[in-house]
């Protein structure tokens, strides 16, 4: 299943000693050669995060706030504003139910169970 040159097969990009996957498109890896790789959707790559930052986010109600500049186009006025924006990084339960241990540390997730009683009709 792993072959970088054959069409349809997977490419092995890294082997890791440890990794934290918080939500889709938000993760941190420590490769076996000690390199830290992280991805955070919506956060600029210049913003520094560490593996320890991701470990802190495993605890219930933890969050990290980082400041970044963002460009906003105003086509009607023909200008671009560069504003400072605070990006809040935290674990969410939008897609899966979060499971915590007795120390309030995230240990996993599980699928939501939707029963007929829980379905809300939105019109």
PDB file of N, CA and C in Angstrom:
ATOM      1  N   UNK A   1       0.813  -1.210   0.000  1.00  0.00           N
ATOM      2  CA  UNK A   1       0.000   0.000   0.000  1.00  0.00           C
ATOM      3  C   UNK A   1       0.856   1.274   0.000  1.00  0.00           C
ATOM      4  N   UNK A   2       2.146   1.181   0.356  1.00  0.00           N
ATOM      5  CA  UNK A   2       2.999   2.366   0.405  1.00  0.00           C
ATOM      6  C   UNK A   2       4.029   2.299  -0.719  1.00  0.00           C
ATOM      7  N   UNK A   3       3.922   3.260  -1.627  1.00  0.00           N
ATOM      8  CA  UNK A   3       4.872   3.375  -2.731  1.00  0.00           C
ATOM      9  C   UNK A   3       4.702   4.767  -3.320  1.00  0.00           C
ATOM     10  N   UNK A   4       5.707   5.608  -3.194  1.00  0.00           N
ATOM     11  CA  UNK A   4       5.611   7.004  -3.625  1.00  0.00           C
ATOM     12  C   UNK A   4       5.521   7.151  -5.137  1.00  0.00           C
ATOM     13  N   UNK A   5       5.934   6.151  -5.893  1.00  0.00           N
ATOM     14  CA  UNK A   5       5.993   6.285  -7.344  1.00  0.00           C
ATOM     15  C   UNK A   5       4.832   5.631  -8.073  1.00  0.00           C
ATOM     16  N   UNK A   6       4.114   4.740  -7.405  1.00  0.00           N
ATOM     17  CA  UNK A   6       3.038   4.011  -8.062  1.00  0.00           C
ATOM     18  C   UNK A   6       1.696   4.701  -7.822  1.00  0.00           C
ATOM     19  N   UNK A   7       0.979   4.939  -8.898  1.00  0.00           N
ATOM     20  CA  UNK A   7      -0.306   5.631  -8.841  1.00  0.00           C
ATOM     21  C   UNK A   7      -1.308   4.860  -7.976  1.00  0.00           C
ATOM     22  N   UNK A   8      -1.974   5.578  -7.085  1.00  0.00           N
ATOM     23  CA  UNK A   8      -2.988   4.980  -6.232  1.00  0.00           C
ATOM     24  C   UNK A   8      -2.473   4.485  -4.899  1.00  0.00           C
ATOM     25  N   UNK A   9      -1.170   4.451  -4.719  1.00  0.00           N
ATOM     26  CA  UNK A   9      -0.606   3.994  -3.447  1.00  0.00           C
ATOM     27  C   UNK A   9      -0.268   5.193  -2.559  1.00  0.00           C
ATOM     28  N   UNK A  10      -0.051   4.926  -1.297  1.00  0.00           N
ATOM     29  CA  UNK A  10       0.260   5.977  -0.331  1.00  0.00           C
ATOM     30  C   UNK A  10       1.744   6.319  -0.345  1.00  0.00           C
ATOM     31  N   UNK A  11       2.050   7.542   0.078  1.00  0.00           N
ATOM     32  CA  UNK A  11       3.437   7.995   0.167  1.00  0.00           C
ATOM     33  C   UNK A  11       3.779   8.158   1.646  1.00  0.00           C
ATOM     34  N   UNK A  12       4.857   7.520   2.082  1.00  0.00           N
ATOM     35  CA  UNK A  12       5.309   7.663   3.457  1.00  0.00           C
ATOM     36  C   UNK A  12       6.075   8.972   3.577  1.00  0.00           C
ATOM     37  N   UNK A  13       5.518   9.913   4.337  1.00  0.00           N
ATOM     38  CA  UNK A  13       6.149  11.222   4.468  1.00  0.00           C
ATOM     39  C   UNK A  13       7.026  11.317   5.714  1.00  0.00           C
ATOM     40  N   UNK A  14       6.574  10.729   6.820  1.00  0.00           N
ATOM     41  CA  UNK A  14       7.313  10.827   8.074  1.00  0.00           C
ATOM     42  C   UNK A  14       7.085   9.565   8.898  1.00  0.00           C
ATOM     43  N   UNK A  15       8.046   9.261   9.751  1.00  0.00           N
ATOM     44  CA  UNK A  15       7.831   8.301  10.829  1.00  0.00           C
ATOM     45  C   UNK A  15       7.980   9.096  12.113  1.00  0.00           C
ATOM     46  N   UNK A  16       7.098   8.847  13.062  1.00  0.00           N
ATOM     47  CA  UNK A  16       7.000   9.721  14.237  1.00  0.00           C
ATOM     48  C   UNK A  16       7.244   8.965  15.536  1.00  0.00           C
ATOM     49  N   UNK A  17       7.834   9.685  16.487  1.00  0.00           N
ATOM     50  CA  UNK A  17       7.954   9.183  17.852  1.00  0.00           C
ATOM     51  C   UNK A  17       6.668   9.444  18.624  1.00  0.00           C
ATOM     52  N   UNK A  18       6.091  10.617  18.403  1.00  0.00           N
ATOM     53  CA  UNK A  18       4.830  10.957  19.066  1.00  0.00           C
ATOM     54  C   UNK A  18       4.066  11.952  18.204  1.00  0.00           C
ATOM     55  N   UNK A  19       2.745  11.967  18.396  1.00  0.00           N
ATOM     56  CA  UNK A  19       1.885  12.846  17.603  1.00  0.00           C
ATOM     57  C   UNK A  19       0.620  13.156  18.381  1.00  0.00           C
ATOM     58  N   UNK A  20       0.074  14.335  18.133  1.00  0.00           N
ATOM     59  CA  UNK A  20      -1.208  14.744  18.717  1.00  0.00           C
ATOM     60  C   UNK A  20      -2.080  15.236  17.574  1.00  0.00           C
ATOM     61  N   UNK A  21      -3.268  14.641  17.440  1.00  0.00           N
ATOM     62  CA  UNK A  21      -4.253  15.064  16.447  1.00  0.00           C
ATOM     63  C   UNK A  21      -5.452  15.596  17.217  1.00  0.00           C
ATOM     64  N   UNK A  22      -5.657  16.917  17.166  1.00  0.00           N
ATOM     65  CA  UNK A  22      -6.725  17.529  17.961  1.00  0.00           C
ATOM     66  C   UNK A  22      -8.057  17.550  17.212  1.00  0.00           C
ATOM     67  N   UNK A  23      -8.044  18.018  16.004  1.00  0.00           N
ATOM     68  CA  UNK A  23      -9.240  18.081  15.159  1.00  0.00           C
ATOM     69  C   UNK A  23      -8.773  17.892  13.721  1.00  0.00           C
ATOM     70  N   UNK A  24      -9.707  17.744  12.785  1.00  0.00           N
ATOM     71  CA  UNK A  24      -9.259  17.682  11.396  1.00  0.00           C
ATOM     72  C   UNK A  24      -8.451  18.936  11.037  1.00  0.00           C
ATOM     73  N   UNK A  25      -7.321  18.754  10.416  1.00  0.00           N
ATOM     74  CA  UNK A  25      -6.413  19.821   9.978  1.00  0.00           C
ATOM     75  C   UNK A  25      -5.724  20.566  11.119  1.00  0.00           C
ATOM     76  N   UNK A  26      -5.695  19.954  12.305  1.00  0.00           N
ATOM     77  CA  UNK A  26      -4.962  20.525  13.447  1.00  0.00           C
ATOM     78  C   UNK A  26      -4.197  19.398  14.134  1.00  0.00           C
ATOM     79  N   UNK A  27      -2.864  19.385  13.922  1.00  0.00           N
ATOM     80  CA  UNK A  27      -2.067  18.319  14.500  1.00  0.00           C
ATOM     81  C   UNK A  27      -0.625  18.752  14.693  1.00  0.00           C
ATOM     82  N   UNK A  28       0.106  17.959  15.497  1.00  0.00           N
ATOM     83  CA  UNK A  28       1.532  18.186  15.737  1.00  0.00           C
ATOM     84  C   UNK A  28       2.228  16.830  15.789  1.00  0.00           C
ATOM     85  N   UNK A  29       3.361  16.726  15.087  1.00  0.00           N
ATOM     86  CA  UNK A  29       4.140  15.493  15.030  1.00  0.00           C
ATOM     87  C   UNK A  29       5.563  15.765  15.495  1.00  0.00           C
ATOM     88  N   UNK A  30       6.159  14.811  16.185  1.00  0.00           N
ATOM     89  CA  UNK A  30       7.587  14.838  16.474  1.00  0.00           C
ATOM     90  C   UNK A  30       8.165  13.633  15.745  1.00  0.00           C
ATOM     91  N   UNK A  31       8.967  13.896  14.712  1.00  0.00           N
ATOM     92  CA  UNK A  31       9.509  12.822  13.892  1.00  0.00           C
ATOM     93  C   UNK A  31      10.614  12.085  14.640  1.00  0.00           C
ATOM     94  N   UNK A  32      10.970  10.927  14.120  1.00  0.00           N
ATOM     95  CA  UNK A  32      11.993  10.125  14.803  1.00  0.00           C
ATOM     96  C   UNK A  32      13.370  10.776  14.795  1.00  0.00           C
ATOM     97  N   UNK A  33      13.572  11.807  13.962  1.00  0.00           N
ATOM     98  CA  UNK A  33      14.837  12.557  14.005  1.00  0.00           C
ATOM     99  C   UNK A  33      14.730  13.832  14.844  1.00  0.00           C
ATOM    100  N   UNK A  34      13.615  13.991  15.609  1.00  0.00           N
ATOM    101  CA  UNK A  34      13.467  15.102  16.538  1.00  0.00           C
ATOM    102  C   UNK A  34      12.845  16.370  15.966  1.00  0.00           C
ATOM    103  N   UNK A  35      12.480  16.370  14.705  1.00  0.00           N
ATOM    104  CA  UNK A  35      11.880  17.546  14.073  1.00  0.00           C
ATOM    105  C   UNK A  35      10.400  17.639  14.449  1.00  0.00           C
ATOM    106  N   UNK A  36       9.941  18.857  14.780  1.00  0.00           N
ATOM    107  CA  UNK A  36       8.529  19.080  15.103  1.00  0.00           C
ATOM    108  C   UNK A  36       7.826  19.667  13.888  1.00  0.00           C
ATOM    109  N   UNK A  37       6.733  19.038  13.501  1.00  0.00           N
ATOM    110  CA  UNK A  37       5.920  19.481  12.369  1.00  0.00           C
ATOM    111  C   UNK A  37       4.509  19.700  12.886  1.00  0.00           C
ATOM    112  N   UNK A  38       3.935  20.862  12.587  1.00  0.00           N
ATOM    113  CA  UNK A  38       2.552  21.092  12.991  1.00  0.00           C
ATOM    114  C   UNK A  38       1.782  21.792  11.886  1.00  0.00           C
ATOM    115  N   UNK A  39       0.490  21.545  11.867  1.00  0.00           N
ATOM    116  CA  UNK A  39      -0.432  22.198  10.931  1.00  0.00           C
ATOM    117  C   UNK A  39      -1.629  22.675  11.732  1.00  0.00           C
ATOM    118  N   UNK A  40      -2.038  23.907  11.470  1.00  0.00           N
ATOM    119  CA  UNK A  40      -3.226  24.467  12.095  1.00  0.00           C
ATOM    120  C   UNK A  40      -3.964  25.248  11.023  1.00  0.00           C
ATOM    121  N   UNK A  41      -5.129  24.753  10.633  1.00  0.00           N
ATOM    122  CA  UNK A  41      -5.922  25.416   9.603  1.00  0.00           C
ATOM    123  C   UNK A  41      -6.270  26.840  10.048  1.00  0.00           C
ATOM    124  N   UNK A  42      -5.952  27.812   9.199  1.00  0.00           N
ATOM    125  CA  UNK A  42      -6.292  29.200   9.483  1.00  0.00           C
ATOM    126  C   UNK A  42      -5.214  29.992  10.200  1.00  0.00           C
ATOM    127  N   UNK A  43      -4.165  29.334  10.652  1.00  0.00           N
ATOM    128  CA  UNK A  43      -3.084  30.024  11.354  1.00  0.00           C
ATOM    129  C   UNK A  43      -1.865  30.093  10.443  1.00  0.00           C
ATOM    130  N   UNK A  44      -1.261  31.265  10.353  1.00  0.00           N
ATOM    131  CA  UNK A  44      -0.096  31.442   9.489  1.00  0.00           C
ATOM    132  C   UNK A  44       1.064  30.587   9.959  1.00  0.00           C
ATOM    133  N   UNK A  45       1.895  30.148   9.015  1.00  0.00           N
ATOM    134  CA  UNK A  45       3.029  29.285   9.335  1.00  0.00           C
ATOM    135  C   UNK A  45       4.102  29.993  10.151  1.00  0.00           C
ATOM    136  N   UNK A  46       4.138  31.327  10.106  1.00  0.00           N
ATOM    137  CA  UNK A  46       5.150  32.067  10.866  1.00  0.00           C
ATOM    138  C   UNK A  46       4.885  32.031  12.369  1.00  0.00           C
ATOM    139  N   UNK A  47       3.661  31.724  12.771  1.00  0.00           N
ATOM    140  CA  UNK A  47       3.303  31.681  14.186  1.00  0.00           C
ATOM    141  C   UNK A  47       3.913  30.413  14.795  1.00  0.00           C
ATOM    142  N   UNK A  48       4.716  30.593  15.830  1.00  0.00           N
ATOM    143  CA  UNK A  48       5.424  29.468  16.444  1.00  0.00           C
ATOM    144  C   UNK A  48       4.540  28.742  17.458  1.00  0.00           C
ATOM    145  N   UNK A  49       4.495  27.423  17.334  1.00  0.00           N
ATOM    146  CA  UNK A  49       3.849  26.555  18.305  1.00  0.00           C
ATOM    147  C   UNK A  49       4.795  25.403  18.607  1.00  0.00           C
ATOM    148  N   UNK A  50       4.675  24.832  19.801  1.00  0.00           N
ATOM    149  CA  UNK A  50       5.522  23.712  20.185  1.00  0.00           C
ATOM    150  C   UNK A  50       4.657  22.491  20.479  1.00  0.00           C
ATOM    151  N   UNK A  51       5.301  21.354  20.595  1.00  0.00           N
ATOM    152  CA  UNK A  51       4.582  20.134  20.972  1.00  0.00           C
ATOM    153  C   UNK A  51       3.938  20.311  22.345  1.00  0.00           C
ATOM    154  N   UNK A  52       4.620  21.031  23.235  1.00  0.00           N
ATOM    155  CA  UNK A  52       4.078  21.274  24.578  1.00  0.00           C
ATOM    156  C   UNK A  52       2.793  22.106  24.519  1.00  0.00           C
ATOM    157  N   UNK A  53       2.698  23.034  23.563  1.00  0.00           N
ATOM    158  CA  UNK A  53       1.459  23.799  23.382  1.00  0.00           C
ATOM    159  C   UNK A  53       0.305  22.861  23.049  1.00  0.00           C
ATOM    160  N   UNK A  54       0.551  21.902  22.165  1.00  0.00           N
ATOM    161  CA  UNK A  54      -0.494  20.952  21.784  1.00  0.00           C
ATOM    162  C   UNK A  54      -0.847  20.034  22.957  1.00  0.00           C
ATOM    163  N   UNK A  55       0.148  19.653  23.768  1.00  0.00           N
ATOM    164  CA  UNK A  55      -0.134  18.832  24.952  1.00  0.00           C
ATOM    165  C   UNK A  55      -1.058  19.567  25.920  1.00  0.00           C
ATOM    166  N   UNK A  56      -0.847  20.874  26.092  1.00  0.00           N
ATOM    167  CA  UNK A  56      -1.701  21.667  26.990  1.00  0.00           C
ATOM    168  C   UNK A  56      -3.148  21.676  26.504  1.00  0.00           C
ATOM    169  N   UNK A  57      -3.336  21.654  25.188  1.00  0.00           N
ATOM    170  CA  UNK A  57      -4.683  21.690  24.626  1.00  0.00           C
ATOM    171  C   UNK A  57      -5.462  20.394  24.853  1.00  0.00           C
ATOM    172  N   UNK A  58      -4.797  19.351  25.300  1.00  0.00           N
ATOM    173  CA  UNK A  58      -5.482  18.090  25.581  1.00  0.00           C
ATOM    174  C   UNK A  58      -6.342  18.161  26.833  1.00  0.00           C
ATOM    175  N   UNK A  59      -6.142  19.177  27.661  1.00  0.00           N
ATOM    176  CA  UNK A  59      -6.918  19.300  28.887  1.00  0.00           C
ATOM    177  C   UNK A  59      -8.185  20.103  28.650  1.00  0.00           C
ATOM    178  N   UNK A  60      -9.228  19.709  29.327  1.00  0.00           N
ATOM    179  CA  UNK A  60     -10.564  20.289  29.143  1.00  0.00           C
ATOM    180  C   UNK A  60     -10.547  21.809  29.310  1.00  0.00           C
ATOM    181  N   UNK A  61     -11.202  22.497  28.388  1.00  0.00           N
ATOM    182  CA  UNK A  61     -11.372  23.962  28.379  1.00  0.00           C
ATOM    183  C   UNK A  61     -10.070  24.735  28.189  1.00  0.00           C
ATOM    184  N   UNK A  62      -8.986  24.078  27.767  1.00  0.00           N
ATOM    185  CA  UNK A  62      -7.721  24.775  27.514  1.00  0.00           C
ATOM    186  C   UNK A  62      -7.787  25.454  26.144  1.00  0.00           C
ATOM    187  N   UNK A  63      -7.117  26.575  26.032  1.00  0.00           N
ATOM    188  CA  UNK A  63      -7.044  27.263  24.744  1.00  0.00           C
ATOM    189  C   UNK A  63      -5.752  28.051  24.657  1.00  0.00           C
ATOM    190  N   UNK A  64      -5.361  28.330  23.422  1.00  0.00           N
ATOM    191  CA  UNK A  64      -4.184  29.154  23.157  1.00  0.00           C
ATOM    192  C   UNK A  64      -4.625  30.264  22.220  1.00  0.00           C
ATOM    193  N   UNK A  65      -4.236  31.482  22.532  1.00  0.00           N
ATOM    194  CA  UNK A  65      -4.550  32.620  21.668  1.00  0.00           C
ATOM    195  C   UNK A  65      -3.264  33.142  21.050  1.00  0.00           C
ATOM    196  N   UNK A  66      -3.264  33.265  19.741  1.00  0.00           N
ATOM    197  CA  UNK A  66      -2.121  33.793  19.003  1.00  0.00           C
ATOM    198  C   UNK A  66      -2.604  34.958  18.160  1.00  0.00           C
ATOM    199  N   UNK A  67      -1.769  35.970  18.035  1.00  0.00           N
ATOM    200  CA  UNK A  67      -2.106  37.156  17.264  1.00  0.00           C
ATOM    201  C   UNK A  67      -1.438  37.071  15.896  1.00  0.00           C
ATOM    202  N   UNK A  68      -2.196  37.415  14.854  1.00  0.00           N
ATOM    203  CA  UNK A  68      -1.651  37.422  13.501  1.00  0.00           C
ATOM    204  C   UNK A  68      -2.289  38.556  12.711  1.00  0.00           C
ATOM    205  N   UNK A  69      -1.570  39.046  11.708  1.00  0.00           N
ATOM    206  CA  UNK A  69      -2.147  40.084  10.852  1.00  0.00           C
ATOM    207  C   UNK A  69      -2.851  39.407   9.681  1.00  0.00           C
ATOM    208  N   UNK A  70      -3.965  39.989   9.276  1.00  0.00           N
ATOM    209  CA  UNK A  70      -4.771  39.414   8.205  1.00  0.00           C
ATOM    210  C   UNK A  70      -5.202  40.527   7.252  1.00  0.00           C
ATOM    211  N   UNK A  71      -5.205  40.201   5.965  1.00  0.00           N
ATOM    212  CA  UNK A  71      -5.593  41.169   4.946  1.00  0.00           C
ATOM    213  C   UNK A  71      -7.081  41.046   4.660  1.00  0.00           C
ATOM    214  N   UNK A  72      -7.773  42.192   4.603  1.00  0.00           N
ATOM    215  CA  UNK A  72      -9.192  42.243   4.267  1.00  0.00           C
ATOM    216  C   UNK A  72      -9.379  43.170   3.070  1.00  0.00           C
ATOM    217  N   UNK A  73      -9.961  42.648   1.998  1.00  0.00           N
ATOM    218  CA  UNK A  73     -10.199  43.455   0.795  1.00  0.00           C
ATOM    219  C   UNK A  73     -11.553  44.146   0.884  1.00  0.00           C
ATOM    220  N   UNK A  74     -11.572  45.400   0.506  1.00  0.00           N
ATOM    221  CA  UNK A  74     -12.818  46.149   0.378  1.00  0.00           C
ATOM    222  C   UNK A  74     -12.892  46.608  -1.076  1.00  0.00           C
ATOM    223  N   UNK A  75     -13.477  45.755  -1.907  1.00  0.00           N
ATOM    224  CA  UNK A  75     -13.521  46.047  -3.334  1.00  0.00           C
ATOM    225  C   UNK A  75     -14.335  47.296  -3.646  1.00  0.00           C
ATOM    226  N   UNK A  76     -15.402  47.522  -2.887  1.00  0.00           N
ATOM    227  CA  UNK A  76     -16.248  48.688  -3.148  1.00  0.00           C
ATOM    228  C   UNK A  76     -15.492  50.004  -2.913  1.00  0.00           C
ATOM    229  N   UNK A  77     -14.513  49.983  -1.997  1.00  0.00           N
ATOM    230  CA  UNK A  77     -13.725  51.180  -1.706  1.00  0.00           C
ATOM    231  C   UNK A  77     -12.361  51.141  -2.380  1.00  0.00           C
ATOM    232  N   UNK A  78     -12.018  50.018  -3.005  1.00  0.00           N
ATOM    233  CA  UNK A  78     -10.737  49.890  -3.692  1.00  0.00           C
ATOM    234  C   UNK A  78      -9.538  49.926  -2.761  1.00  0.00           C
ATOM    235  N   UNK A  79      -9.672  49.277  -1.597  1.00  0.00           N
ATOM    236  CA  UNK A  79      -8.547  49.284  -0.662  1.00  0.00           C
ATOM    237  C   UNK A  79      -8.427  47.947   0.054  1.00  0.00           C
ATOM    238  N   UNK A  80      -7.276  47.758   0.673  1.00  0.00           N
ATOM    239  CA  UNK A  80      -7.004  46.568   1.476  1.00  0.00           C
ATOM    240  C   UNK A  80      -6.610  47.030   2.872  1.00  0.00           C
ATOM    241  N   UNK A  81      -7.291  46.482   3.866  1.00  0.00           N
ATOM    242  CA  UNK A  81      -6.956  46.778   5.269  1.00  0.00           C
ATOM    243  C   UNK A  81      -6.178  45.607   5.844  1.00  0.00           C
ATOM    244  N   UNK A  82      -5.125  45.915   6.574  1.00  0.00           N
ATOM    245  CA  UNK A  82      -4.369  44.887   7.291  1.00  0.00           C
ATOM    246  C   UNK A  82      -4.688  45.072   8.769  1.00  0.00           C
ATOM    247  N   UNK A  83      -5.372  44.085   9.325  1.00  0.00           N
ATOM    248  CA  UNK A  83      -5.809  44.169  10.715  1.00  0.00           C
ATOM    249  C   UNK A  83      -5.162  43.072  11.545  1.00  0.00           C
ATOM    250  N   UNK A  84      -4.964  43.366  12.819  1.00  0.00           N
ATOM    251  CA  UNK A  84      -4.450  42.374  13.753  1.00  0.00           C
ATOM    252  C   UNK A  84      -5.629  41.533  14.224  1.00  0.00           C
ATOM    253  N   UNK A  85      -5.481  40.207  14.177  1.00  0.00           N
ATOM    254  CA  UNK A  85      -6.565  39.300  14.520  1.00  0.00           C
ATOM    255  C   UNK A  85      -6.068  38.299  15.550  1.00  0.00           C
ATOM    256  N   UNK A  86      -6.907  37.986  16.527  1.00  0.00           N
ATOM    257  CA  UNK A  86      -6.558  36.978  17.529  1.00  0.00           C
ATOM    258  C   UNK A  86      -7.140  35.649  17.073  1.00  0.00           C
ATOM    259  N   UNK A  87      -6.275  34.635  16.967  1.00  0.00           N
ATOM    260  CA  UNK A  87      -6.689  33.287  16.578  1.00  0.00           C
ATOM    261  C   UNK A  87      -6.727  32.446  17.846  1.00  0.00           C
ATOM    262  N   UNK A  88      -7.883  31.854  18.138  1.00  0.00           N
ATOM    263  CA  UNK A  88      -8.044  31.019  19.322  1.00  0.00           C
ATOM    264  C   UNK A  88      -7.995  29.557  18.903  1.00  0.00           C
ATOM    265  N   UNK A  89      -7.064  28.839  19.472  1.00  0.00           N
ATOM    266  CA  UNK A  89      -6.876  27.423  19.166  1.00  0.00           C
ATOM    267  C   UNK A  89      -7.370  26.600  20.343  1.00  0.00           C
ATOM    268  N   UNK A  90      -8.354  25.726  20.092  1.00  0.00           N
ATOM    269  CA  UNK A  90      -8.882  24.857  21.140  1.00  0.00           C
ATOM    270  C   UNK A  90      -9.531  23.639  20.491  1.00  0.00           C
ATOM    271  N   UNK A  91      -9.702  22.600  21.278  1.00  0.00           N
ATOM    272  CA  UNK A  91     -10.361  21.388  20.805  1.00  0.00           C
ATOM    273  C   UNK A  91     -11.855  21.645  20.789  1.00  0.00           C
ATOM    274  N   UNK A  92     -12.528  21.194  19.733  1.00  0.00           N
ATOM    275  CA  UNK A  92     -13.982  21.360  19.687  1.00  0.00           C
ATOM    276  C   UNK A  92     -14.657  20.018  19.442  1.00  0.00           C
ATOM    277  N   UNK A  93     -15.915  19.978  19.747  1.00  0.00           N
ATOM    278  CA  UNK A  93     -16.690  18.750  19.571  1.00  0.00           C
ATOM    279  C   UNK A  93     -17.725  18.902  18.462  1.00  0.00           C
ATOM    280  N   UNK A  94     -17.353  19.619  17.407  1.00  0.00           N
ATOM    281  CA  UNK A  94     -18.279  19.845  16.297  1.00  0.00           C
ATOM    282  C   UNK A  94     -18.660  18.557  15.583  1.00  0.00           C
ATOM    283  N   UNK A  95     -17.711  17.643  15.445  1.00  0.00           N
ATOM    284  CA  UNK A  95     -17.960  16.450  14.643  1.00  0.00           C
ATOM    285  C   UNK A  95     -17.979  15.159  15.457  1.00  0.00           C
ATOM    286  N   UNK A  96     -17.274  15.138  16.588  1.00  0.00           N
ATOM    287  CA  UNK A  96     -17.213  13.934  17.410  1.00  0.00           C
ATOM    288  C   UNK A  96     -17.286  14.315  18.882  1.00  0.00           C
ATOM    289  N   UNK A  97     -17.809  13.406  19.683  1.00  0.00           N
ATOM    290  CA  UNK A  97     -17.902  13.626  21.123  1.00  0.00           C
ATOM    291  C   UNK A  97     -16.522  13.416  21.751  1.00  0.00           C
ATOM    292  N   UNK A  98     -16.095  14.336  22.594  1.00  0.00           N
ATOM    293  CA  UNK A  98     -14.791  14.260  23.242  1.00  0.00           C
ATOM    294  C   UNK A  98     -14.875  13.377  24.480  1.00  0.00           C
ATOM    295  N   UNK A  99     -13.862  12.532  24.688  1.00  0.00           N
ATOM    296  CA  UNK A  99     -13.816  11.629  25.844  1.00  0.00           C
ATOM    297  C   UNK A  99     -12.615  12.025  26.696  1.00  0.00           C
ATOM    298  N   UNK A 100     -12.879  12.346  27.974  1.00  0.00           N
ATOM    299  CA  UNK A 100     -11.838  12.766  28.916  1.00  0.00           C
ATOM    300  C   UNK A 100     -11.676  11.726  30.009  1.00  0.00           C
ATOM    301  N   UNK A 101     -10.456  11.639  30.580  1.00  0.00           N
ATOM    302  CA  UNK A 101     -10.244  10.749  31.721  1.00  0.00           C
ATOM    303  C   UNK A 101     -10.581  11.497  33.010  1.00  0.00           C
ATOM    304  N   UNK A 102     -10.305  10.869  34.155  1.00  0.00           N
ATOM    305  CA  UNK A 102     -10.670  11.481  35.443  1.00  0.00           C
ATOM    306  C   UNK A 102      -9.870  12.746  35.743  1.00  0.00           C
ATOM    307  N   UNK A 103      -8.732  12.954  35.054  1.00  0.00           N
ATOM    308  CA  UNK A 103      -7.917  14.161  35.228  1.00  0.00           C
ATOM    309  C   UNK A 103      -8.266  15.250  34.219  1.00  0.00           C
ATOM    310  N   UNK A 104      -9.379  15.088  33.524  1.00  0.00           N
ATOM    311  CA  UNK A 104      -9.844  16.027  32.492  1.00  0.00           C
ATOM    312  C   UNK A 104      -8.876  16.147  31.321  1.00  0.00           C
ATOM    313  N   UNK A 105      -8.183  15.049  31.003  1.00  0.00           N
ATOM    314  CA  UNK A 105      -7.297  15.015  29.844  1.00  0.00           C
ATOM    315  C   UNK A 105      -7.995  14.251  28.723  1.00  0.00           C
ATOM    316  N   UNK A 106      -7.945  14.820  27.529  1.00  0.00           N
ATOM    317  CA  UNK A 106      -8.574  14.199  26.371  1.00  0.00           C
ATOM    318  C   UNK A 106      -7.871  12.887  26.052  1.00  0.00           C
ATOM    319  N   UNK A 107      -8.629  11.794  26.004  1.00  0.00           N
ATOM    320  CA  UNK A 107      -8.039  10.487  25.704  1.00  0.00           C
ATOM    321  C   UNK A 107      -8.597   9.884  24.419  1.00  0.00           C
ATOM    322  N   UNK A 108      -9.611  10.509  23.843  1.00  0.00           N
ATOM    323  CA  UNK A 108     -10.166   9.978  22.602  1.00  0.00           C
ATOM    324  C   UNK A 108     -11.452  10.682  22.224  1.00  0.00           C
ATOM    325  N   UNK A 109     -12.052  10.183  21.170  1.00  0.00           N
ATOM    326  CA  UNK A 109     -13.345  10.693  20.726  1.00  0.00           C
ATOM    327  C   UNK A 109     -14.222   9.515  20.363  1.00  0.00           C
ATOM    328  N   UNK A 110     -15.505   9.766  20.267  1.00  0.00           N
ATOM    329  CA  UNK A 110     -16.414   8.734  19.784  1.00  0.00           C
ATOM    330  C   UNK A 110     -17.495   9.401  18.948  1.00  0.00           C
ATOM    331  N   UNK A 111     -18.074   8.605  18.083  1.00  0.00           N
ATOM    332  CA  UNK A 111     -19.099   9.128  17.178  1.00  0.00           C
ATOM    333  C   UNK A 111     -20.335   9.529  17.977  1.00  0.00           C
ATOM    334  N   UNK A 112     -20.985  10.590  17.528  1.00  0.00           N
ATOM    335  CA  UNK A 112     -22.256  10.967  18.138  1.00  0.00           C
ATOM    336  C   UNK A 112     -23.305   9.933  17.783  1.00  0.00           C
ATOM    337  N   UNK A 113     -24.168   9.645  18.722  1.00  0.00           N
ATOM    338  CA  UNK A 113     -25.273   8.729  18.475  1.00  0.00           C
ATOM    339  C   UNK A 113     -26.533   9.568  18.385  1.00  0.00           C
ATOM    340  N   UNK A 114     -27.126   9.569  17.223  1.00  0.00           N
ATOM    341  CA  UNK A 114     -28.334  10.370  17.003  1.00  0.00           C
ATOM    342  C   UNK A 114     -29.533   9.447  17.043  1.00  0.00           C
ATOM    343  N   UNK A 115     -30.422   9.752  17.954  1.00  0.00           N
ATOM    344  CA  UNK A 115     -31.650   8.975  18.080  1.00  0.00           C
ATOM    345  C   UNK A 115     -32.816   9.837  17.624  1.00  0.00           C
ATOM    346  N   UNK A 116     -33.955   9.222  17.300  1.00  0.00           N
ATOM    347  CA  UNK A 116     -35.106  10.027  16.837  1.00  0.00           C
ATOM    348  C   UNK A 116     -35.517  11.113  17.824  1.00  0.00           C
ATOM    349  N   UNK A 117     -35.296  10.883  19.127  1.00  0.00           N
ATOM    350  CA  UNK A 117     -35.672  11.897  20.122  1.00  0.00           C
ATOM    351  C   UNK A 117     -34.775  13.129  20.043  1.00  0.00           C
ATOM    352  N   UNK A 118     -33.525  12.975  19.551  1.00  0.00           N
ATOM    353  CA  UNK A 118     -32.576  14.067  19.520  1.00  0.00           C
ATOM    354  C   UNK A 118     -32.606  14.867  18.228  1.00  0.00           C
ATOM    355  N   UNK A 119     -33.357  14.403  17.234  1.00  0.00           N
ATOM    356  CA  UNK A 119     -33.423  15.114  15.955  1.00  0.00           C
ATOM    357  C   UNK A 119     -34.341  16.318  16.085  1.00  0.00           C
ATOM    358  N   UNK A 120     -33.818  17.473  15.695  1.00  0.00           N
ATOM    359  CA  UNK A 120     -34.596  18.717  15.777  1.00  0.00           C
ATOM    360  C   UNK A 120     -34.956  19.115  14.347  1.00  0.00           C
ATOM    361  N   UNK A 121     -36.208  19.395  14.111  1.00  0.00           N
ATOM    362  CA  UNK A 121     -36.648  19.809  12.788  1.00  0.00           C
ATOM    363  C   UNK A 121     -36.413  21.310  12.629  1.00  0.00           C
ATOM    364  N   UNK A 122     -35.566  21.681  11.688  1.00  0.00           N
ATOM    365  CA  UNK A 122     -35.261  23.093  11.443  1.00  0.00           C
ATOM    366  C   UNK A 122     -35.937  23.482  10.133  1.00  0.00           C
ATOM    367  N   UNK A 123     -36.790  24.490  10.193  1.00  0.00           N
ATOM    368  CA  UNK A 123     -37.501  24.963   8.990  1.00  0.00           C
ATOM    369  C   UNK A 123     -37.334  26.440   8.821  1.00  0.00           C
TER     370      UNK A 123
END
